[in-house]
Amino acid sequence: MDIETVSSNFEDIRPLNPEEVPAAIEELLASEEFRKAIRYIMPNLKWDELAAAMRACKTKEQFKSTLSYGAVMAVAKKTTFSLTVSGRSRLPEGKPACTFISNHRDIVLDASFLNVILMDVGYGLTQVAIGDNLLIRPWIKTFVRLNNSFIVKRGVAVRQMLEVSHTLSAYINHTIKESHESIWIAQREGRAKDSNDKTQPSVLKMLNMAGKGDILTNLAELNIVPVAISYEYDPCDYLKAKEFQLKRDNADYQKTQHDDLLNMETGILGNKGRVHFTFGNPINAKLKELDPKTEKNELFAAVARIIDKEIYSHYRFYPCNYVAYDMLSGTRHFSANYGLKDKKAFEEYLQGQLDKIVIPNKDEAFLRRKILEMYTNPLKNFLSLEK
C-alpha cells in the first residue's frame, strides 16, 4: 500500500507524511503556546538555536531521534533519579516490527520513555497510539503527529464504534506488516488510576479486527511484546485520588480539558524517583498453546491473562510499594524490605500529596486509602501469580 493510499484510508488518524514535515515545523515555531510549553520544560533553551535545529529536520525520524530524544532525556534528568531497562535480551531476534503493550501510568511519558529506551538498545522507534481527548490544542495535535503518533478516537457514538475500531485495527496491521514499524499501545483505554493493571480484551478484539486469519494467527502476526512500567513515585497520584472522590461524590462528574492538561503537565514535570521498564517475553509461544476453537470471548480473555502475567511478573518494586502494602493491610508483612527511614520518608511524601488536594468535603481517610492502593496494587498483582 503506497503513501497516497495510506493517506486516503487513514487520513484522520495517521501521523504526518514526509512532505508535511516542513510545514508542521513552521506551524509549531509560529505557535506561542508551543514556545511557552518548551520553555516551561527547558527554561535555559535558546529559542533561535531550537528553531534552527527544528528546521534542519527534514523527516519525522530526524525530529524524533534528535529533538524529541533530547527533550525526553532532559525531562528524565530533571524529574527522575534514574531511568533504567531490563529484559532487552527478550526482544525478538532480527528486530521485527512489534506491538509493545504496556501498563499505563503517565499520559505522555510511558511511550516517550519507551521510545528513548528502544533507541538506546538499538531497536528503533515506535509509532504511538494517543487518544484524541488529549489533543486539546492545535499545536499538540501537530506535535504528536510530527512525533509519529497515530490517533485513537475516544467517546464516539456506539453506532460509530465498530467502524472506528476497524479503521484503527487496519492502520495498526498495516503499520506492523507493511510499513514494518513497531507501535506502542496501552493495555487499556486510559490510565489505570488505581494501578490495578489489567489488559482489556476490547483492545485485543480491536487488534484482531483487520486480520485475515483466525484470532490467534492474527494476534501472532502483530508480534505482541508486553512491557512492565514501574515508577517509584507517581506525581499524579494526588490528582487521581482527587478524581476518585469527586466521582464518588458526584456520579455525573467529568474531567475537563484543564484537568487533562494539569495531569499531563504534572506527570511530565513532577518527581518520579526511579523509573524502570522491563521487556517481557513475546507472547507468540504462549499463543501456540491455546486452542483456536475456544469460544471467542474466552480466547481474548486468555490472551489478556498471558499479557497480564508478563507485566505482573516483571514489575520493579521500591520501598514505597512495601510500605504502602503494610500501611494498607495493617501488617508488617514486608518489613524486611524497608527500614524506618523508608517508612518515614513515604509517610511524609503521602501527607505532602494529600495536602495538595483542595476539594469540598475533603475525605482525607478515603484519599489516603486510594493513594495507598495505587502503590500496593502492583505488588498484590505480583503476589497473585504465586497462588
Protein backbone atom coordinates (compact mmCIF):
# COMPACT_ATOMS: atom_id res chain seq x y z
CA MET A 1 0.00 0.00 0.00
CA ASP A 2 1.64 3.30 -1.08
CA ILE A 3 1.68 6.54 0.89
CA GLU A 4 -1.25 8.03 -1.04
CA THR A 5 -3.44 5.02 -0.29
CA VAL A 6 -2.47 5.08 3.38
CA SER A 7 -3.31 8.77 3.49
CA SER A 8 -6.76 8.30 2.00
CA ASN A 9 -7.69 5.33 4.16
CA PHE A 10 -6.33 6.70 7.41
CA GLU A 11 -6.37 10.44 6.77
CA ASP A 12 -7.83 11.47 10.13
CA ILE A 13 -5.70 9.20 12.35
CA ARG A 14 -2.28 8.81 10.68
CA PRO A 15 0.98 10.57 11.60
CA LEU A 16 2.33 13.19 9.22
CA ASN A 17 3.53 12.16 5.78
CA PRO A 18 7.12 13.10 4.84
CA GLU A 19 6.16 16.06 2.66
CA GLU A 20 4.11 17.56 5.52
CA VAL A 21 7.05 17.79 7.94
CA PRO A 22 8.44 21.26 6.98
CA ALA A 23 5.05 22.97 7.23
CA ALA A 24 4.36 21.31 10.58
CA ILE A 25 7.68 22.56 11.95
CA GLU A 26 6.86 26.11 10.80
CA GLU A 27 3.41 25.81 12.39
CA LEU A 28 4.96 24.85 15.72
CA LEU A 29 7.55 27.62 15.59
CA ALA A 30 4.76 30.14 14.97
CA SER A 31 2.78 28.90 17.99
CA GLU A 32 3.21 30.97 21.14
CA GLU A 33 1.67 28.11 23.15
CA PHE A 34 4.33 25.69 21.85
CA ARG A 35 7.05 28.19 22.73
CA LYS A 36 5.71 28.54 26.28
CA ALA A 37 5.47 24.76 26.70
CA ILE A 38 9.06 24.19 25.56
CA ARG A 39 10.39 26.97 27.78
CA TYR A 40 8.47 25.54 30.71
CA ILE A 41 10.25 22.21 30.30
CA MET A 42 13.64 23.63 29.29
CA PRO A 43 13.86 27.20 30.66
CA ASN A 44 17.50 27.69 29.61
CA LEU A 45 16.86 26.83 26.00
CA LYS A 46 17.86 29.38 23.36
CA TRP A 47 14.87 29.73 21.06
CA ASP A 48 16.83 30.71 17.92
CA GLU A 49 19.01 27.63 18.28
CA LEU A 50 15.96 25.38 18.74
CA ALA A 51 14.25 26.91 15.70
CA ALA A 52 17.33 26.30 13.57
CA ALA A 53 17.62 22.72 14.82
CA MET A 54 13.93 22.08 14.10
CA ARG A 55 14.18 23.49 10.58
CA ALA A 56 17.20 21.26 9.95
CA CYS A 57 14.98 18.19 10.48
CA LYS A 58 13.61 17.02 7.15
CA THR A 59 11.92 13.82 8.36
CA LYS A 60 9.91 12.63 11.37
CA GLU A 61 12.74 10.23 12.16
CA GLN A 62 15.25 13.09 12.35
CA PHE A 63 12.90 15.11 14.53
CA LYS A 64 12.30 12.22 16.93
CA SER A 65 15.87 10.99 17.12
CA THR A 66 17.37 14.41 17.76
CA LEU A 67 14.98 16.96 19.21
CA SER A 68 12.36 14.70 20.80
CA TYR A 69 15.03 12.35 22.18
CA GLY A 70 16.87 15.30 23.71
CA ALA A 71 13.70 16.74 25.24
CA VAL A 72 12.68 13.43 26.81
CA MET A 73 16.15 12.85 28.21
CA ALA A 74 16.10 16.39 29.65
CA VAL A 75 12.83 15.56 31.41
CA ALA A 76 14.30 12.29 32.68
CA LYS A 77 17.38 14.06 34.02
CA LYS A 78 15.28 16.71 35.74
CA THR A 79 12.47 14.58 37.18
CA THR A 80 13.80 11.05 37.75
CA PHE A 81 16.54 9.59 39.93
CA SER A 82 17.18 7.02 37.19
CA LEU A 83 15.65 5.65 34.01
CA THR A 84 16.63 2.01 33.54
CA VAL A 85 15.67 -1.01 31.46
CA SER A 86 15.92 -4.79 31.70
CA GLY A 87 14.82 -7.68 29.52
CA ARG A 88 16.37 -6.41 26.30
CA SER A 89 17.54 -9.98 25.59
CA ARG A 90 13.86 -10.96 25.32
CA LEU A 91 13.29 -8.66 22.35
CA PRO A 92 12.70 -10.75 19.21
CA GLU A 93 15.79 -11.62 17.17
CA GLY A 94 16.08 -9.87 13.85
CA LYS A 95 14.23 -6.82 15.19
CA PRO A 96 10.86 -7.45 13.53
CA ALA A 97 8.17 -4.80 13.93
CA CYS A 98 6.40 -5.41 17.25
CA THR A 99 3.31 -4.30 19.10
CA PHE A 100 4.54 -3.18 22.50
CA ILE A 101 1.68 -3.38 25.01
CA SER A 102 2.29 -1.95 28.47
CA ASN A 103 0.55 -0.94 31.64
CA HIS A 104 -0.28 2.77 31.59
CA ARG A 105 0.90 5.16 34.31
CA ASP A 106 1.67 8.50 32.70
CA ILE A 107 -0.25 10.15 29.85
CA VAL A 108 2.83 11.35 27.97
CA LEU A 109 5.94 9.70 29.38
CA ASP A 110 5.12 5.97 29.18
CA ALA A 111 5.53 5.99 25.40
CA SER A 112 8.18 8.74 25.39
CA PHE A 113 10.47 6.90 27.81
CA LEU A 114 9.90 3.63 25.94
CA ASN A 115 10.98 5.24 22.67
CA VAL A 116 14.24 6.63 24.05
CA ILE A 117 14.96 3.23 25.63
CA LEU A 118 14.31 1.45 22.34
CA MET A 119 16.64 3.90 20.60
CA ASP A 120 19.33 3.26 23.20
CA VAL A 121 19.11 -0.53 22.82
CA GLY A 122 19.21 -0.18 19.04
CA TYR A 123 15.68 -1.41 18.32
CA GLY A 124 14.28 1.65 16.60
CA LEU A 125 11.39 3.98 17.30
CA THR A 126 7.72 3.09 17.57
CA GLN A 127 4.58 4.77 16.39
CA VAL A 128 2.47 5.69 19.41
CA ALA A 129 -1.29 5.43 19.97
CA ILE A 130 -2.68 8.61 21.54
CA GLY A 131 -6.29 9.39 22.45
CA ASP A 132 -7.88 12.33 20.67
CA ASN A 133 -9.15 13.60 24.03
CA LEU A 134 -5.59 14.73 24.74
CA LEU A 135 -5.26 16.81 21.55
CA ILE A 136 -6.54 19.82 23.44
CA ARG A 137 -4.65 22.47 21.47
CA PRO A 138 -3.93 22.57 17.72
CA TRP A 139 -0.15 22.63 18.35
CA ILE A 140 -0.40 19.43 20.43
CA LYS A 141 -2.03 17.58 17.54
CA THR A 142 0.65 18.83 15.14
CA PHE A 143 3.42 17.95 17.59
CA VAL A 144 2.28 14.37 18.27
CA ARG A 145 1.72 13.67 14.57
CA LEU A 146 5.21 15.02 13.86
CA ASN A 147 6.42 12.57 16.51
CA ASN A 148 4.87 9.70 14.54
CA SER A 149 1.81 9.25 16.75
CA PHE A 150 -1.47 7.97 15.40
CA ILE A 151 -4.81 8.99 16.84
CA VAL A 152 -7.27 6.82 18.72
CA LYS A 153 -10.76 8.29 18.63
CA ARG A 154 -12.46 8.30 22.03
CA GLY A 155 -16.05 8.90 23.01
CA VAL A 156 -17.59 8.21 19.62
CA ALA A 157 -21.24 7.20 19.35
CA VAL A 158 -21.94 3.49 19.75
CA ARG A 159 -23.05 3.20 16.11
CA GLN A 160 -19.64 4.55 15.00
CA MET A 161 -17.53 2.46 17.36
CA LEU A 162 -17.28 -0.58 15.08
CA GLU A 163 -16.14 1.48 12.10
CA VAL A 164 -13.65 3.49 14.18
CA SER A 165 -12.22 0.31 15.74
CA HIS A 166 -11.88 -1.40 12.38
CA THR A 167 -10.05 1.58 10.86
CA LEU A 168 -7.69 1.68 13.84
CA SER A 169 -7.07 -2.06 13.56
CA ALA A 170 -6.41 -1.76 9.82
CA TYR A 171 -3.92 1.05 10.44
CA ILE A 172 -2.04 -0.91 13.12
CA ASN A 173 -1.96 -4.04 10.97
CA HIS A 174 -0.70 -2.00 8.01
CA THR A 175 2.00 -0.35 10.14
CA ILE A 176 3.32 -3.66 11.50
CA LYS A 177 3.02 -5.84 8.40
CA GLU A 178 3.60 -3.43 5.50
CA SER A 179 5.43 -0.40 6.88
CA HIS A 180 7.41 -2.66 9.24
CA GLU A 181 7.25 -0.12 12.05
CA SER A 182 6.66 -1.07 15.67
CA ILE A 183 3.85 0.51 17.66
CA TRP A 184 3.10 1.17 21.32
CA ILE A 185 -0.39 0.89 22.73
CA ALA A 186 -1.61 0.80 26.31
CA GLN A 187 -3.26 -2.38 27.59
CA ARG A 188 -6.44 -0.43 28.29
CA GLU A 189 -8.20 2.79 27.37
CA GLY A 190 -6.75 5.46 29.64
CA ARG A 191 -4.57 5.02 32.70
CA ALA A 192 -5.36 2.51 35.44
CA LYS A 193 -5.79 5.20 38.07
CA ASP A 194 -5.61 2.69 40.94
CA SER A 195 -2.59 0.95 39.30
CA ASN A 196 -4.57 -2.30 39.15
CA ASP A 197 -3.29 -3.13 35.69
CA LYS A 198 -5.48 -5.41 33.59
CA THR A 199 -5.42 -5.85 29.82
CA GLN A 200 -8.82 -5.05 28.35
CA PRO A 201 -9.99 -7.79 25.96
CA SER A 202 -11.56 -4.99 23.89
CA VAL A 203 -8.02 -3.81 22.97
CA LEU A 204 -7.21 -7.30 21.70
CA LYS A 205 -10.51 -7.51 19.84
CA MET A 206 -9.65 -4.25 18.08
CA LEU A 207 -6.18 -5.53 17.12
CA ASN A 208 -7.74 -8.71 15.69
CA MET A 209 -10.42 -7.00 13.60
CA ALA A 210 -8.40 -6.35 10.44
CA GLY A 211 -6.59 -9.69 10.45
CA LYS A 212 -7.25 -12.19 7.69
CA GLY A 213 -6.95 -15.41 9.72
CA ASP A 214 -8.26 -16.79 12.99
CA ILE A 215 -7.83 -14.84 16.25
CA LEU A 216 -4.58 -16.49 17.35
CA THR A 217 -2.99 -16.17 13.90
CA ASN A 218 -4.00 -12.52 13.66
CA LEU A 219 -2.54 -11.66 17.06
CA ALA A 220 0.63 -13.67 16.41
CA GLU A 221 1.26 -11.63 13.25
CA LEU A 222 1.40 -8.48 15.37
CA ASN A 223 4.36 -9.77 17.46
CA ILE A 224 2.99 -8.61 20.82
CA VAL A 225 5.65 -7.83 23.44
CA PRO A 226 4.35 -6.94 26.93
CA VAL A 227 6.23 -4.19 28.77
CA ALA A 228 6.09 -3.61 32.55
CA ILE A 229 6.47 0.04 33.59
CA SER A 230 7.39 0.85 37.20
CA TYR A 231 7.53 4.39 38.60
CA GLU A 232 8.80 4.77 42.16
CA TYR A 233 6.56 7.80 42.60
CA ASP A 234 3.57 8.84 40.51
CA PRO A 235 3.43 12.66 40.55
CA CYS A 236 -0.24 12.46 39.53
CA ASP A 237 -1.24 10.20 42.44
CA TYR A 238 -2.97 13.01 44.33
CA LEU A 239 -4.84 14.12 41.18
CA LYS A 240 -6.04 10.55 40.63
CA ALA A 241 -7.16 10.28 44.27
CA LYS A 242 -8.95 13.60 43.97
CA GLU A 243 -10.79 12.32 40.90
CA PHE A 244 -11.83 9.17 42.79
CA GLN A 245 -13.52 11.27 45.49
CA LEU A 246 -15.14 13.66 43.03
CA LYS A 247 -16.61 10.69 41.14
CA ARG A 248 -17.69 9.06 44.40
CA ASP A 249 -19.49 12.20 45.50
CA ASN A 250 -20.99 13.07 42.11
CA ALA A 251 -21.90 10.27 39.70
CA ASP A 252 -22.05 12.81 36.83
CA TYR A 253 -18.56 14.21 37.41
CA GLN A 254 -16.49 14.57 34.22
CA LYS A 255 -12.88 15.72 33.90
CA THR A 256 -12.36 18.94 31.98
CA GLN A 257 -9.72 19.79 29.37
CA HIS A 258 -7.99 21.80 32.09
CA ASP A 259 -7.81 18.63 34.20
CA ASP A 260 -6.21 16.72 31.31
CA LEU A 261 -3.65 19.49 30.78
CA LEU A 262 -2.86 19.58 34.51
CA ASN A 263 -2.36 15.80 34.53
CA MET A 264 -0.04 15.99 31.51
CA GLU A 265 1.94 18.86 33.00
CA THR A 266 2.19 17.28 36.46
CA GLY A 267 3.18 13.91 35.02
CA ILE A 268 5.95 15.40 32.90
CA LEU A 269 7.40 17.84 35.44
CA GLY A 270 6.79 16.05 38.76
CA ASN A 271 9.28 13.89 40.67
CA LYS A 272 9.14 10.23 39.66
CA GLY A 273 12.11 8.85 41.58
CA ARG A 274 13.38 5.67 39.96
CA VAL A 275 11.72 4.61 36.70
CA HIS A 276 12.19 1.14 35.25
CA PHE A 277 10.99 -0.54 32.05
CA THR A 278 11.10 -4.32 31.64
CA PHE A 279 10.53 -6.08 28.32
CA GLY A 280 8.55 -9.24 28.92
CA ASN A 281 8.57 -12.37 26.81
CA PRO A 282 6.91 -12.04 23.39
CA ILE A 283 3.61 -13.90 23.68
CA ASN A 284 3.64 -15.87 20.39
CA ALA A 285 4.94 -19.05 22.04
CA LYS A 286 2.09 -18.88 24.58
CA LEU A 287 -0.47 -18.24 21.84
CA LYS A 288 0.50 -21.58 20.27
CA GLU A 289 -0.52 -23.32 23.50
CA LEU A 290 -4.11 -22.04 23.25
CA ASP A 291 -6.88 -23.90 21.45
CA PRO A 292 -8.10 -21.81 18.49
CA LYS A 293 -11.51 -23.49 18.80
CA THR A 294 -12.08 -21.88 22.20
CA GLU A 295 -15.10 -19.56 22.39
CA LYS A 296 -14.07 -16.07 21.19
CA ASN A 297 -14.58 -14.09 24.40
CA GLU A 298 -12.77 -16.72 26.46
CA LEU A 299 -9.94 -16.76 23.95
CA PHE A 300 -9.47 -12.99 24.18
CA ALA A 301 -9.64 -13.25 27.98
CA ALA A 302 -6.97 -15.96 27.93
CA VAL A 303 -4.66 -13.80 25.80
CA ALA A 304 -5.26 -10.87 28.16
CA ARG A 305 -4.20 -13.07 31.08
CA ILE A 306 -0.98 -14.01 29.27
CA ILE A 307 -0.11 -10.33 28.83
CA ASP A 308 -1.07 -9.53 32.44
CA LYS A 309 1.15 -12.32 33.76
CA GLU A 310 4.12 -11.00 31.79
CA ILE A 311 3.56 -7.49 33.15
CA TYR A 312 2.91 -8.59 36.76
CA SER A 313 5.98 -10.82 36.86
CA HIS A 314 8.29 -8.09 35.62
CA TYR A 315 7.40 -5.12 37.81
CA ARG A 316 10.23 -3.41 39.69
CA PHE A 317 9.34 -2.73 43.34
CA TYR A 318 10.61 0.02 45.62
CA PRO A 319 10.41 0.56 49.41
CA CYS A 320 7.28 2.71 48.96
CA ASN A 321 5.39 -0.27 47.49
CA TYR A 322 6.20 -2.44 50.51
CA VAL A 323 5.48 0.35 52.99
CA ALA A 324 2.13 1.10 51.33
CA TYR A 325 1.16 -2.59 51.40
CA ASP A 326 1.84 -2.82 55.14
CA MET A 327 0.13 0.51 55.89
CA LEU A 328 -2.97 -0.52 53.93
CA SER A 329 -3.15 -4.03 55.39
CA GLY A 330 -2.16 -3.05 58.93
CA THR A 331 0.58 -5.69 58.92
CA ARG A 332 4.38 -5.84 58.87
CA HIS A 333 4.38 -8.47 56.16
CA PHE A 334 7.10 -6.75 54.13
CA SER A 335 9.02 -5.05 56.95
CA ALA A 336 12.21 -6.80 55.84
CA ASN A 337 12.04 -4.86 52.58
CA TYR A 338 12.29 -1.38 54.10
CA GLY A 339 13.72 0.45 57.09
CA LEU A 340 12.34 3.08 59.46
CA LYS A 341 13.87 5.78 57.29
CA ASP A 342 11.99 4.45 54.23
CA LYS A 343 8.73 4.32 56.15
CA LYS A 344 9.11 7.85 57.48
CA ALA A 345 10.03 9.18 54.04
CA PHE A 346 6.96 7.61 52.43
CA GLU A 347 4.62 8.78 55.21
CA GLU A 348 5.91 12.34 54.71
CA TYR A 349 5.55 12.02 50.95
CA LEU A 350 1.98 10.71 51.33
CA GLN A 351 0.95 13.56 53.61
CA GLY A 352 2.54 16.09 51.25
CA GLN A 353 0.50 14.73 48.34
CA LEU A 354 -2.71 14.73 50.40
CA ASP A 355 -2.09 18.35 51.38
CA LYS A 356 -2.17 19.31 47.67
CA ILE A 357 -5.81 18.20 47.36
CA VAL A 358 -8.29 21.04 47.76
CA ILE A 359 -11.90 19.98 47.24
CA PRO A 360 -15.23 20.45 49.07
CA ASN A 361 -15.88 17.89 51.82
CA LYS A 362 -12.36 16.57 51.58
CA ASP A 363 -12.34 12.99 52.87
CA GLU A 364 -8.71 12.52 53.84
CA ALA A 365 -9.12 8.94 55.05
CA PHE A 366 -10.63 7.94 51.69
CA LEU A 367 -7.99 9.85 49.72
CA ARG A 368 -5.19 8.31 51.77
CA ARG A 369 -6.54 4.83 51.10
CA LYS A 370 -6.80 5.47 47.35
CA ILE A 371 -3.17 6.62 47.12
CA LEU A 372 -2.01 3.66 49.20
CA GLU A 373 -3.89 1.35 46.83
CA MET A 374 -2.01 2.86 43.87
CA TYR A 375 1.31 1.82 45.39
CA THR A 376 0.01 -1.52 46.69
CA ASN A 377 -1.88 -2.96 43.70
CA PRO A 378 1.15 -3.81 41.53
CA LEU A 379 2.60 -5.77 44.45
CA LYS A 380 -0.74 -7.51 45.05
CA ASN A 381 -0.92 -8.47 41.38
CA PHE A 382 2.62 -9.85 41.51
CA LEU A 383 1.73 -11.88 44.61
CA SER A 384 -1.39 -13.23 42.86
CA LEU A 385 0.91 -15.12 40.46
CA GLU A 386 2.04 -17.34 43.33
CA LYS A 387 -1.49 -18.62 44.01
